[in-house]
Structures are given as C-alpha cells and as structure tokens.
Amino acid sequence: IPNGRYIVKIDEMTAPGAYKPIFTSESFEVKNGIIAQ
C-alpha cells in the first residue's frame, strides 16, 4: 500500500461466504509501502 496514515477493519468468517466485523484499529503510519503488523 502507498505510504500514509490508515486504519484497518477486520471481518471474521462465520460461515462460507458470511463475514462479521470484529475489529477496527487505531490510525497508524505506513512507511515502507507494506502493512506487516
């Protein structure tokens, strides 16, 4: 991903093809063009 400030939202698979939101991160800085957290 390009460098900048981002947030991440994670959806968990509950059944094949069905997902529910379970997590939203705080804002963080990407400096090397990759999210490796």
PDB file of all heavy atoms in Angstrom:
ATOM      1  N   ILE A   1       0.853  -1.186   0.000  1.00  0.00           N
ATOM      2  CA  ILE A   1       0.000   0.000   0.000  1.00  0.00           C
ATOM      3  C   ILE A   1       0.893   1.242   0.000  1.00  0.00           C
ATOM      4  O   ILE A   1       1.994   1.203   0.550  1.00  0.00           O
ATOM      5  CB  ILE A   1      -0.956  -0.025   1.220  1.00  0.00           C
ATOM      6  CG1 ILE A   1      -2.078   0.964   1.043  1.00  0.00           C
ATOM      7  CG2 ILE A   1      -0.221   0.204   2.512  1.00  0.00           C
ATOM      8  CD1 ILE A   1      -3.328   0.572   1.782  1.00  0.00           C
ATOM      9  N   PRO A   2       0.464   2.336  -0.617  1.00  0.00           N
ATOM     10  CA  PRO A   2       1.279   3.559  -0.580  1.00  0.00           C
ATOM     11  C   PRO A   2       1.474   4.060   0.851  1.00  0.00           C
ATOM     12  O   PRO A   2       0.624   3.843   1.717  1.00  0.00           O
ATOM     13  CB  PRO A   2       0.464   4.565  -1.391  1.00  0.00           C
ATOM     14  CG  PRO A   2      -0.444   3.744  -2.235  1.00  0.00           C
ATOM     15  CD  PRO A   2      -0.732   2.503  -1.444  1.00  0.00           C
ATOM     16  N   ASN A   3       2.571   4.716   1.093  1.00  0.00           N
ATOM     17  CA  ASN A   3       2.834   5.287   2.411  1.00  0.00           C
ATOM     18  C   ASN A   3       1.742   6.278   2.780  1.00  0.00           C
ATOM     19  O   ASN A   3       1.198   6.961   1.923  1.00  0.00           O
ATOM     20  CB  ASN A   3       4.190   5.972   2.437  1.00  0.00           C
ATOM     21  CG  ASN A   3       5.332   5.008   2.277  1.00  0.00           C
ATOM     22  OD1 ASN A   3       5.192   3.804   2.497  1.00  0.00           O
ATOM     23  ND2 ASN A   3       6.483   5.510   1.887  1.00  0.00           N
ATOM     24  N   GLY A   4       1.429   6.340   4.072  1.00  0.00           N
ATOM     25  CA  GLY A   4       0.405   7.259   4.562  1.00  0.00           C
ATOM     26  C   GLY A   4      -0.176   6.763   5.869  1.00  0.00           C
ATOM     27  O   GLY A   4       0.319   5.818   6.472  1.00  0.00           O
ATOM     28  N   ARG A   5      -1.259   7.405   6.301  1.00  0.00           N
ATOM     29  CA  ARG A   5      -1.950   7.009   7.539  1.00  0.00           C
ATOM     30  C   ARG A   5      -3.202   6.224   7.179  1.00  0.00           C
ATOM     31  O   ARG A   5      -3.982   6.643   6.320  1.00  0.00           O
ATOM     32  CB  ARG A   5      -2.307   8.234   8.369  1.00  0.00           C
ATOM     33  CG  ARG A   5      -1.051   8.944   8.909  1.00  0.00           C
ATOM     34  CD  ARG A   5      -1.327   9.780  10.116  1.00  0.00           C
ATOM     35  NE  ARG A   5      -1.768   9.044  11.286  1.00  0.00           N
ATOM     36  CZ  ARG A   5      -0.975   8.334  12.103  1.00  0.00           C
ATOM     37  NH1 ARG A   5       0.302   8.231  11.863  1.00  0.00           N
ATOM     38  NH2 ARG A   5      -1.467   7.735  13.166  1.00  0.00           N
ATOM     39  N   TYR A   6      -3.398   5.110   7.877  1.00  0.00           N
ATOM     40  CA  TYR A   6      -4.512   4.207   7.580  1.00  0.00           C
ATOM     41  C   TYR A   6      -5.133   3.662   8.855  1.00  0.00           C
ATOM     42  O   TYR A   6      -4.534   3.717   9.920  1.00  0.00           O
ATOM     43  CB  TYR A   6      -4.018   3.022   6.745  1.00  0.00           C
ATOM     44  CG  TYR A   6      -3.486   3.422   5.392  1.00  0.00           C
ATOM     45  CD1 TYR A   6      -2.130   3.626   5.193  1.00  0.00           C
ATOM     46  CD2 TYR A   6      -4.342   3.612   4.321  1.00  0.00           C
ATOM     47  CE1 TYR A   6      -1.640   4.013   3.961  1.00  0.00           C
ATOM     48  CE2 TYR A   6      -3.863   3.992   3.087  1.00  0.00           C
ATOM     49  CZ  TYR A   6      -2.508   4.187   2.911  1.00  0.00           C
ATOM     50  OH  TYR A   6      -2.029   4.576   1.691  1.00  0.00           O
ATOM     51  N   ILE A   7      -6.335   3.119   8.714  1.00  0.00           N
ATOM     52  CA  ILE A   7      -6.941   2.275   9.734  1.00  0.00           C
ATOM     53  C   ILE A   7      -7.297   0.962   9.051  1.00  0.00           C
ATOM     54  O   ILE A   7      -7.426   0.897   7.823  1.00  0.00           O
ATOM     55  CB  ILE A   7      -8.197   2.900  10.391  1.00  0.00           C
ATOM     56  CG1 ILE A   7      -9.298   3.101   9.361  1.00  0.00           C
ATOM     57  CG2 ILE A   7      -7.871   4.176  11.110  1.00  0.00           C
ATOM     58  CD1 ILE A   7     -10.651   3.357   9.991  1.00  0.00           C
ATOM     59  N   VAL A   8      -7.447  -0.081   9.848  1.00  0.00           N
ATOM     60  CA  VAL A   8      -7.779  -1.401   9.333  1.00  0.00           C
ATOM     61  C   VAL A   8      -9.032  -1.898  10.037  1.00  0.00           C
ATOM     62  O   VAL A   8      -9.170  -1.733  11.257  1.00  0.00           O
ATOM     63  CB  VAL A   8      -6.606  -2.373   9.573  1.00  0.00           C
ATOM     64  CG1 VAL A   8      -7.034  -3.816   9.401  1.00  0.00           C
ATOM     65  CG2 VAL A   8      -5.457  -2.062   8.649  1.00  0.00           C
ATOM     66  N   LYS A   9      -9.926  -2.488   9.270  1.00  0.00           N
ATOM     67  CA  LYS A   9     -11.096  -3.162   9.829  1.00  0.00           C
ATOM     68  C   LYS A   9     -10.983  -4.632   9.437  1.00  0.00           C
ATOM     69  O   LYS A   9     -10.646  -4.944   8.294  1.00  0.00           O
ATOM     70  CB  LYS A   9     -12.388  -2.561   9.281  1.00  0.00           C
ATOM     71  CG  LYS A   9     -12.588  -1.119   9.717  1.00  0.00           C
ATOM     72  CD  LYS A   9     -13.900  -0.561   9.217  1.00  0.00           C
ATOM     73  CE  LYS A   9     -14.053   0.885   9.664  1.00  0.00           C
ATOM     74  NZ  LYS A   9     -15.334   1.454   9.242  1.00  0.00           N
ATOM     75  N   ILE A  10     -11.241  -5.508  10.392  1.00  0.00           N
ATOM     76  CA  ILE A  10     -11.109  -6.944  10.153  1.00  0.00           C
ATOM     77  C   ILE A  10     -12.473  -7.598  10.295  1.00  0.00           C
ATOM     78  O   ILE A  10     -13.185  -7.369  11.282  1.00  0.00           O
ATOM     79  CB  ILE A  10     -10.089  -7.568  11.124  1.00  0.00           C
ATOM     80  CG1 ILE A  10      -8.712  -6.953  10.867  1.00  0.00           C
ATOM     81  CG2 ILE A  10     -10.063  -9.087  10.971  1.00  0.00           C
ATOM     82  CD1 ILE A  10      -7.646  -7.374  11.829  1.00  0.00           C
ATOM     83  N   ASP A  11     -12.818  -8.421   9.303  1.00  0.00           N
ATOM     84  CA  ASP A  11     -14.058  -9.194   9.311  1.00  0.00           C
ATOM     85  C   ASP A  11     -13.719 -10.667   9.475  1.00  0.00           C
ATOM     86  O   ASP A  11     -12.838 -11.184   8.783  1.00  0.00           O
ATOM     87  CB  ASP A  11     -14.831  -9.006   8.009  1.00  0.00           C
ATOM     88  CG  ASP A  11     -15.271  -7.568   7.778  1.00  0.00           C
ATOM     89  OD1 ASP A  11     -15.306  -6.795   8.754  1.00  0.00           O
ATOM     90  OD2 ASP A  11     -15.581  -7.236   6.628  1.00  0.00           O
ATOM     91  N   GLU A  12     -14.424 -11.348  10.378  1.00  0.00           N
ATOM     92  CA  GLU A  12     -14.214 -12.771  10.621  1.00  0.00           C
ATOM     93  C   GLU A  12     -15.208 -13.594   9.812  1.00  0.00           C
ATOM     94  O   GLU A  12     -16.386 -13.242   9.711  1.00  0.00           O
ATOM     95  CB  GLU A  12     -14.410 -13.057  12.112  1.00  0.00           C
ATOM     96  CG  GLU A  12     -14.255 -14.505  12.490  1.00  0.00           C
ATOM     97  CD  GLU A  12     -14.475 -14.741  13.967  1.00  0.00           C
ATOM     98  OE1 GLU A  12     -15.202 -13.967  14.616  1.00  0.00           O
ATOM     99  OE2 GLU A  12     -13.907 -15.713  14.477  1.00  0.00           O
ATOM    100  N   MET A  13     -14.734 -14.702   9.240  1.00  0.00           N
ATOM    101  CA  MET A  13     -15.623 -15.595   8.501  1.00  0.00           C
ATOM    102  C   MET A  13     -16.430 -16.419   9.504  1.00  0.00           C
ATOM    103  O   MET A  13     -15.865 -17.119  10.339  1.00  0.00           O
ATOM    104  CB  MET A  13     -14.837 -16.524   7.572  1.00  0.00           C
ATOM    105  CG  MET A  13     -15.745 -17.380   6.722  1.00  0.00           C
ATOM    106  SD  MET A  13     -14.921 -18.243   5.379  1.00  0.00           S
ATOM    107  CE  MET A  13     -13.884 -19.381   6.252  1.00  0.00           C
ATOM    108  N   THR A  14     -17.761 -16.307   9.434  1.00  0.00           N
ATOM    109  CA  THR A  14     -18.641 -17.051  10.337  1.00  0.00           C
ATOM    110  C   THR A  14     -19.192 -18.308   9.686  1.00  0.00           C
ATOM    111  O   THR A  14     -19.521 -19.262  10.374  1.00  0.00           O
ATOM    112  CB  THR A  14     -19.801 -16.168  10.819  1.00  0.00           C
ATOM    113  OG1 THR A  14     -20.506 -15.676   9.671  1.00  0.00           O
ATOM    114  CG2 THR A  14     -19.279 -14.990  11.627  1.00  0.00           C
ATOM    115  N   ALA A  15     -19.299 -18.292   8.372  1.00  0.00           N
ATOM    116  CA  ALA A  15     -19.741 -19.428   7.572  1.00  0.00           C
ATOM    117  C   ALA A  15     -19.210 -19.182   6.161  1.00  0.00           C
ATOM    118  O   ALA A  15     -18.807 -18.067   5.850  1.00  0.00           O
ATOM    119  CB  ALA A  15     -21.267 -19.515   7.568  1.00  0.00           C
ATOM    120  N   PRO A  16     -19.179 -20.196   5.317  1.00  0.00           N
ATOM    121  CA  PRO A  16     -18.696 -19.956   3.951  1.00  0.00           C
ATOM    122  C   PRO A  16     -19.464 -18.809   3.286  1.00  0.00           C
ATOM    123  O   PRO A  16     -20.683 -18.855   3.153  1.00  0.00           O
ATOM    124  CB  PRO A  16     -18.948 -21.282   3.241  1.00  0.00           C
ATOM    125  CG  PRO A  16     -18.907 -22.298   4.340  1.00  0.00           C
ATOM    126  CD  PRO A  16     -19.508 -21.597   5.542  1.00  0.00           C
ATOM    127  N   GLY A  17     -18.753 -17.747   2.941  1.00  0.00           N
ATOM    128  CA  GLY A  17     -19.348 -16.589   2.286  1.00  0.00           C
ATOM    129  C   GLY A  17     -20.000 -15.594   3.218  1.00  0.00           C
ATOM    130  O   GLY A  17     -20.536 -14.592   2.774  1.00  0.00           O
ATOM    131  N   ALA A  18     -19.953 -15.841   4.538  1.00  0.00           N
ATOM    132  CA  ALA A  18     -20.562 -14.931   5.509  1.00  0.00           C
ATOM    133  C   ALA A  18     -19.489 -14.392   6.454  1.00  0.00           C
ATOM    134  O   ALA A  18     -18.693 -15.160   6.988  1.00  0.00           O
ATOM    135  CB  ALA A  18     -21.634 -15.650   6.304  1.00  0.00           C
ATOM    136  N   TYR A  19     -19.487 -13.077   6.630  1.00  0.00           N
ATOM    137  CA  TYR A  19     -18.479 -12.421   7.464  1.00  0.00           C
ATOM    138  C   TYR A  19     -19.148 -11.448   8.418  1.00  0.00           C
ATOM    139  O   TYR A  19     -20.208 -10.912   8.117  1.00  0.00           O
ATOM    140  CB  TYR A  19     -17.490 -11.648   6.587  1.00  0.00           C
ATOM    141  CG  TYR A  19     -16.605 -12.543   5.769  1.00  0.00           C
ATOM    142  CD1 TYR A  19     -17.011 -13.024   4.530  1.00  0.00           C
ATOM    143  CD2 TYR A  19     -15.361 -12.928   6.241  1.00  0.00           C
ATOM    144  CE1 TYR A  19     -16.201 -13.859   3.790  1.00  0.00           C
ATOM    145  CE2 TYR A  19     -14.535 -13.759   5.503  1.00  0.00           C
ATOM    146  CZ  TYR A  19     -14.965 -14.223   4.280  1.00  0.00           C
ATOM    147  OH  TYR A  19     -14.154 -15.049   3.557  1.00  0.00           O
ATOM    148  N   LYS A  20     -18.492 -11.229   9.574  1.00  0.00           N
ATOM    149  CA  LYS A  20     -18.974 -10.210  10.508  1.00  0.00           C
ATOM    150  C   LYS A  20     -17.785  -9.371  10.966  1.00  0.00           C
ATOM    151  O   LYS A  20     -16.686  -9.895  11.173  1.00  0.00           O
ATOM    152  CB  LYS A  20     -19.689 -10.828  11.699  1.00  0.00           C
ATOM    153  CG  LYS A  20     -18.793 -11.557  12.655  1.00  0.00           C
ATOM    154  CD  LYS A  20     -19.543 -12.007  13.895  1.00  0.00           C
ATOM    155  CE  LYS A  20     -18.555 -12.683  14.843  1.00  0.00           C
ATOM    156  NZ  LYS A  20     -19.145 -13.029  16.092  1.00  0.00           N
ATOM    157  N   PRO A  21     -17.975  -8.045  11.130  1.00  0.00           N
ATOM    158  CA  PRO A  21     -16.888  -7.178  11.588  1.00  0.00           C
ATOM    159  C   PRO A  21     -16.569  -7.460  13.056  1.00  0.00           C
ATOM    160  O   PRO A  21     -17.479  -7.605  13.876  1.00  0.00           O
ATOM    161  CB  PRO A  21     -17.431  -5.772  11.399  1.00  0.00           C
ATOM    162  CG  PRO A  21     -18.891  -5.910  11.191  1.00  0.00           C
ATOM    163  CD  PRO A  21     -19.194  -7.309  10.812  1.00  0.00           C
ATOM    164  N   ILE A  22     -15.254  -7.564  13.377  1.00  0.00           N
ATOM    165  CA  ILE A  22     -14.862  -7.861  14.749  1.00  0.00           C
ATOM    166  C   ILE A  22     -13.798  -6.915  15.294  1.00  0.00           C
ATOM    167  O   ILE A  22     -13.540  -6.928  16.497  1.00  0.00           O
ATOM    168  CB  ILE A  22     -14.362  -9.312  14.893  1.00  0.00           C
ATOM    169  CG1 ILE A  22     -13.142  -9.555  14.009  1.00  0.00           C
ATOM    170  CG2 ILE A  22     -15.465 -10.298  14.629  1.00  0.00           C
ATOM    171  CD1 ILE A  22     -12.407 -10.838  14.307  1.00  0.00           C
ATOM    172  N   PHE A  23     -13.174  -6.086  14.440  1.00  0.00           N
ATOM    173  CA  PHE A  23     -12.060  -5.272  14.912  1.00  0.00           C
ATOM    174  C   PHE A  23     -11.883  -4.046  14.033  1.00  0.00           C
ATOM    175  O   PHE A  23     -11.993  -4.130  12.813  1.00  0.00           O
ATOM    176  CB  PHE A  23     -10.768  -6.104  14.885  1.00  0.00           C
ATOM    177  CG  PHE A  23      -9.537  -5.361  15.298  1.00  0.00           C
ATOM    178  CD1 PHE A  23      -9.257  -5.121  16.634  1.00  0.00           C
ATOM    179  CD2 PHE A  23      -8.644  -4.901  14.346  1.00  0.00           C
ATOM    180  CE1 PHE A  23      -8.098  -4.438  17.012  1.00  0.00           C
ATOM    181  CE2 PHE A  23      -7.490  -4.223  14.708  1.00  0.00           C
ATOM    182  CZ  PHE A  23      -7.221  -3.993  16.052  1.00  0.00           C
ATOM    183  N   THR A  24     -11.596  -2.896  14.663  1.00  0.00           N
ATOM    184  CA  THR A  24     -11.194  -1.677  13.970  1.00  0.00           C
ATOM    185  C   THR A  24      -9.953  -1.145  14.681  1.00  0.00           C
ATOM    186  O   THR A  24      -9.973  -0.951  15.898  1.00  0.00           O
ATOM    187  CB  THR A  24     -12.311  -0.616  13.998  1.00  0.00           C
ATOM    188  OG1 THR A  24     -13.475  -1.158  13.362  1.00  0.00           O
ATOM    189  CG2 THR A  24     -11.875   0.647  13.261  1.00  0.00           C
ATOM    190  N   SER A  25      -8.892  -0.936  13.929  1.00  0.00           N
ATOM    191  CA  SER A  25      -7.625  -0.490  14.519  1.00  0.00           C
ATOM    192  C   SER A  25      -7.631   1.011  14.755  1.00  0.00           C
ATOM    193  O   SER A  25      -8.466   1.738  14.229  1.00  0.00           O
ATOM    194  CB  SER A  25      -6.457  -0.842  13.593  1.00  0.00           C
ATOM    195  OG  SER A  25      -6.432   0.023  12.476  1.00  0.00           O
ATOM    196  N   GLU A  26      -6.659   1.447  15.530  1.00  0.00           N
ATOM    197  CA  GLU A  26      -6.358   2.864  15.649  1.00  0.00           C
ATOM    198  C   GLU A  26      -5.625   3.278  14.373  1.00  0.00           C
ATOM    199  O   GLU A  26      -5.109   2.436  13.638  1.00  0.00           O
ATOM    200  CB  GLU A  26      -5.467   3.111  16.866  1.00  0.00           C
ATOM    201  CG  GLU A  26      -6.118   2.778  18.195  1.00  0.00           C
ATOM    202  CD  GLU A  26      -7.283   3.702  18.518  1.00  0.00           C
ATOM    203  OE1 GLU A  26      -7.197   4.902  18.197  1.00  0.00           O
ATOM    204  OE2 GLU A  26      -8.265   3.211  19.086  1.00  0.00           O
ATOM    205  N   SER A  27      -5.543   4.558  14.122  1.00  0.00           N
ATOM    206  CA  SER A  27      -4.800   5.074  12.980  1.00  0.00           C
ATOM    207  C   SER A  27      -3.317   4.739  13.139  1.00  0.00           C
ATOM    208  O   SER A  27      -2.774   4.837  14.242  1.00  0.00           O
ATOM    209  CB  SER A  27      -5.002   6.583  12.911  1.00  0.00           C
ATOM    210  OG  SER A  27      -4.198   7.150  11.930  1.00  0.00           O
ATOM    211  N   PHE A  28      -2.670   4.319  12.045  1.00  0.00           N
ATOM    212  CA  PHE A  28      -1.238   4.013  12.081  1.00  0.00           C
ATOM    213  C   PHE A  28      -0.582   4.469  10.791  1.00  0.00           C
ATOM    214  O   PHE A  28      -1.246   4.691   9.781  1.00  0.00           O
ATOM    215  CB  PHE A  28      -0.992   2.513  12.322  1.00  0.00           C
ATOM    216  CG  PHE A  28      -1.555   1.621  11.257  1.00  0.00           C
ATOM    217  CD1 PHE A  28      -0.782   1.225  10.175  1.00  0.00           C
ATOM    218  CD2 PHE A  28      -2.861   1.170  11.341  1.00  0.00           C
ATOM    219  CE1 PHE A  28      -1.302   0.407   9.193  1.00  0.00           C
ATOM    220  CE2 PHE A  28      -3.397   0.342  10.355  1.00  0.00           C
ATOM    221  CZ  PHE A  28      -2.607  -0.035   9.285  1.00  0.00           C
ATOM    222  N   GLU A  29       0.733   4.617  10.846  1.00  0.00           N
ATOM    223  CA  GLU A  29       1.527   5.120   9.725  1.00  0.00           C
ATOM    224  C   GLU A  29       2.168   3.966   8.964  1.00  0.00           C
ATOM    225  O   GLU A  29       2.772   3.081   9.566  1.00  0.00           O
ATOM    226  CB  GLU A  29       2.619   6.057  10.256  1.00  0.00           C
ATOM    227  CG  GLU A  29       3.441   6.730   9.191  1.00  0.00           C
ATOM    228  CD  GLU A  29       2.744   7.921   8.573  1.00  0.00           C
ATOM    229  OE1 GLU A  29       1.863   8.507   9.210  1.00  0.00           O
ATOM    230  OE2 GLU A  29       3.101   8.284   7.441  1.00  0.00           O
ATOM    231  N   VAL A  30       2.043   3.974   7.634  1.00  0.00           N
ATOM    232  CA  VAL A  30       2.752   3.033   6.773  1.00  0.00           C
ATOM    233  C   VAL A  30       3.920   3.799   6.170  1.00  0.00           C
ATOM    234  O   VAL A  30       3.728   4.834   5.548  1.00  0.00           O
ATOM    235  CB  VAL A  30       1.837   2.472   5.659  1.00  0.00           C
ATOM    236  CG1 VAL A  30       2.624   1.652   4.667  1.00  0.00           C
ATOM    237  CG2 VAL A  30       0.712   1.660   6.263  1.00  0.00           C
ATOM    238  N   LYS A  31       5.143   3.288   6.378  1.00  0.00           N
ATOM    239  CA  LYS A  31       6.331   3.995   5.909  1.00  0.00           C
ATOM    240  C   LYS A  31       7.090   3.257   4.816  1.00  0.00           C
ATOM    241  O   LYS A  31       7.777   3.876   4.031  1.00  0.00           O
ATOM    242  CB  LYS A  31       7.282   4.248   7.088  1.00  0.00           C
ATOM    243  CG  LYS A  31       6.722   5.189   8.111  1.00  0.00           C
ATOM    244  CD  LYS A  31       7.694   5.460   9.218  1.00  0.00           C
ATOM    245  CE  LYS A  31       7.077   6.386  10.248  1.00  0.00           C
ATOM    246  NZ  LYS A  31       7.959   6.625  11.376  1.00  0.00           N
ATOM    247  N   ASN A  32       6.987   1.963   4.744  1.00  0.00           N
ATOM    248  CA  ASN A  32       7.757   1.191   3.761  1.00  0.00           C
ATOM    249  C   ASN A  32       6.887   0.574   2.672  1.00  0.00           C
ATOM    250  O   ASN A  32       7.316  -0.349   1.987  1.00  0.00           O
ATOM    251  CB  ASN A  32       8.557   0.091   4.468  1.00  0.00           C
ATOM    252  CG  ASN A  32       9.580   0.672   5.418  1.00  0.00           C
ATOM    253  OD1 ASN A  32      10.189   1.696   5.123  1.00  0.00           O
ATOM    254  ND2 ASN A  32       9.750   0.035   6.555  1.00  0.00           N
ATOM    255  N   GLY A  33       5.667   1.051   2.543  1.00  0.00           N
ATOM    256  CA  GLY A  33       4.787   0.563   1.484  1.00  0.00           C
ATOM    257  C   GLY A  33       4.191  -0.806   1.740  1.00  0.00           C
ATOM    258  O   GLY A  33       3.697  -1.443   0.819  1.00  0.00           O
ATOM    259  N   ILE A  34       4.216  -1.266   2.995  1.00  0.00           N
ATOM    260  CA  ILE A  34       3.667  -2.587   3.298  1.00  0.00           C
ATOM    261  C   ILE A  34       3.064  -2.570   4.711  1.00  0.00           C
ATOM    262  O   ILE A  34       3.593  -1.929   5.612  1.00  0.00           O
ATOM    263  CB  ILE A  34       4.748  -3.679   3.187  1.00  0.00           C
ATOM    264  CG1 ILE A  34       4.152  -5.060   3.363  1.00  0.00           C
ATOM    265  CG2 ILE A  34       5.878  -3.442   4.154  1.00  0.00           C
ATOM    266  CD1 ILE A  34       5.082  -6.174   2.990  1.00  0.00           C
ATOM    267  N   ILE A  35       1.950  -3.266   4.875  1.00  0.00           N
ATOM    268  CA  ILE A  35       1.381  -3.458   6.202  1.00  0.00           C
ATOM    269  C   ILE A  35       1.885  -4.807   6.700  1.00  0.00           C
ATOM    270  O   ILE A  35       1.482  -5.841   6.178  1.00  0.00           O
ATOM    271  CB  ILE A  35      -0.160  -3.413   6.176  1.00  0.00           C
ATOM    272  CG1 ILE A  35      -0.645  -2.058   5.677  1.00  0.00           C
ATOM    273  CG2 ILE A  35      -0.723  -3.715   7.564  1.00  0.00           C
ATOM    274  CD1 ILE A  35      -2.148  -1.959   5.499  1.00  0.00           C
ATOM    275  N   ALA A  36       2.774  -4.767   7.653  1.00  0.00           N
ATOM    276  CA  ALA A  36       3.388  -6.003   8.183  1.00  0.00           C
ATOM    277  C   ALA A  36       3.193  -6.067   9.695  1.00  0.00           C
ATOM    278  O   ALA A  36       4.083  -6.479  10.413  1.00  0.00           O
ATOM    279  CB  ALA A  36       4.854  -6.065   7.800  1.00  0.00           C
ATOM    280  N   GLN A  37       2.040  -5.649  10.151  1.00  0.00           N
ATOM    281  CA  GLN A  37       1.755  -5.621  11.580  1.00  0.00           C
ATOM    282  C   GLN A  37       1.061  -6.895  12.021  1.00  0.00           C
ATOM    283  O   GLN A  37       0.446  -7.598  11.215  1.00  0.00           O
ATOM    284  CB  GLN A  37       0.846  -4.438  11.912  1.00  0.00           C
ATOM    285  CG  GLN A  37       1.501  -3.102  11.700  1.00  0.00           C
ATOM    286  CD  GLN A  37       0.552  -1.980  12.000  1.00  0.00           C
ATOM    287  OE1 GLN A  37       0.034  -1.373  11.086  1.00  0.00           O
ATOM    288  NE2 GLN A  37       0.304  -1.729  13.274  1.00  0.00           N
TER     289      GLN A  37
END
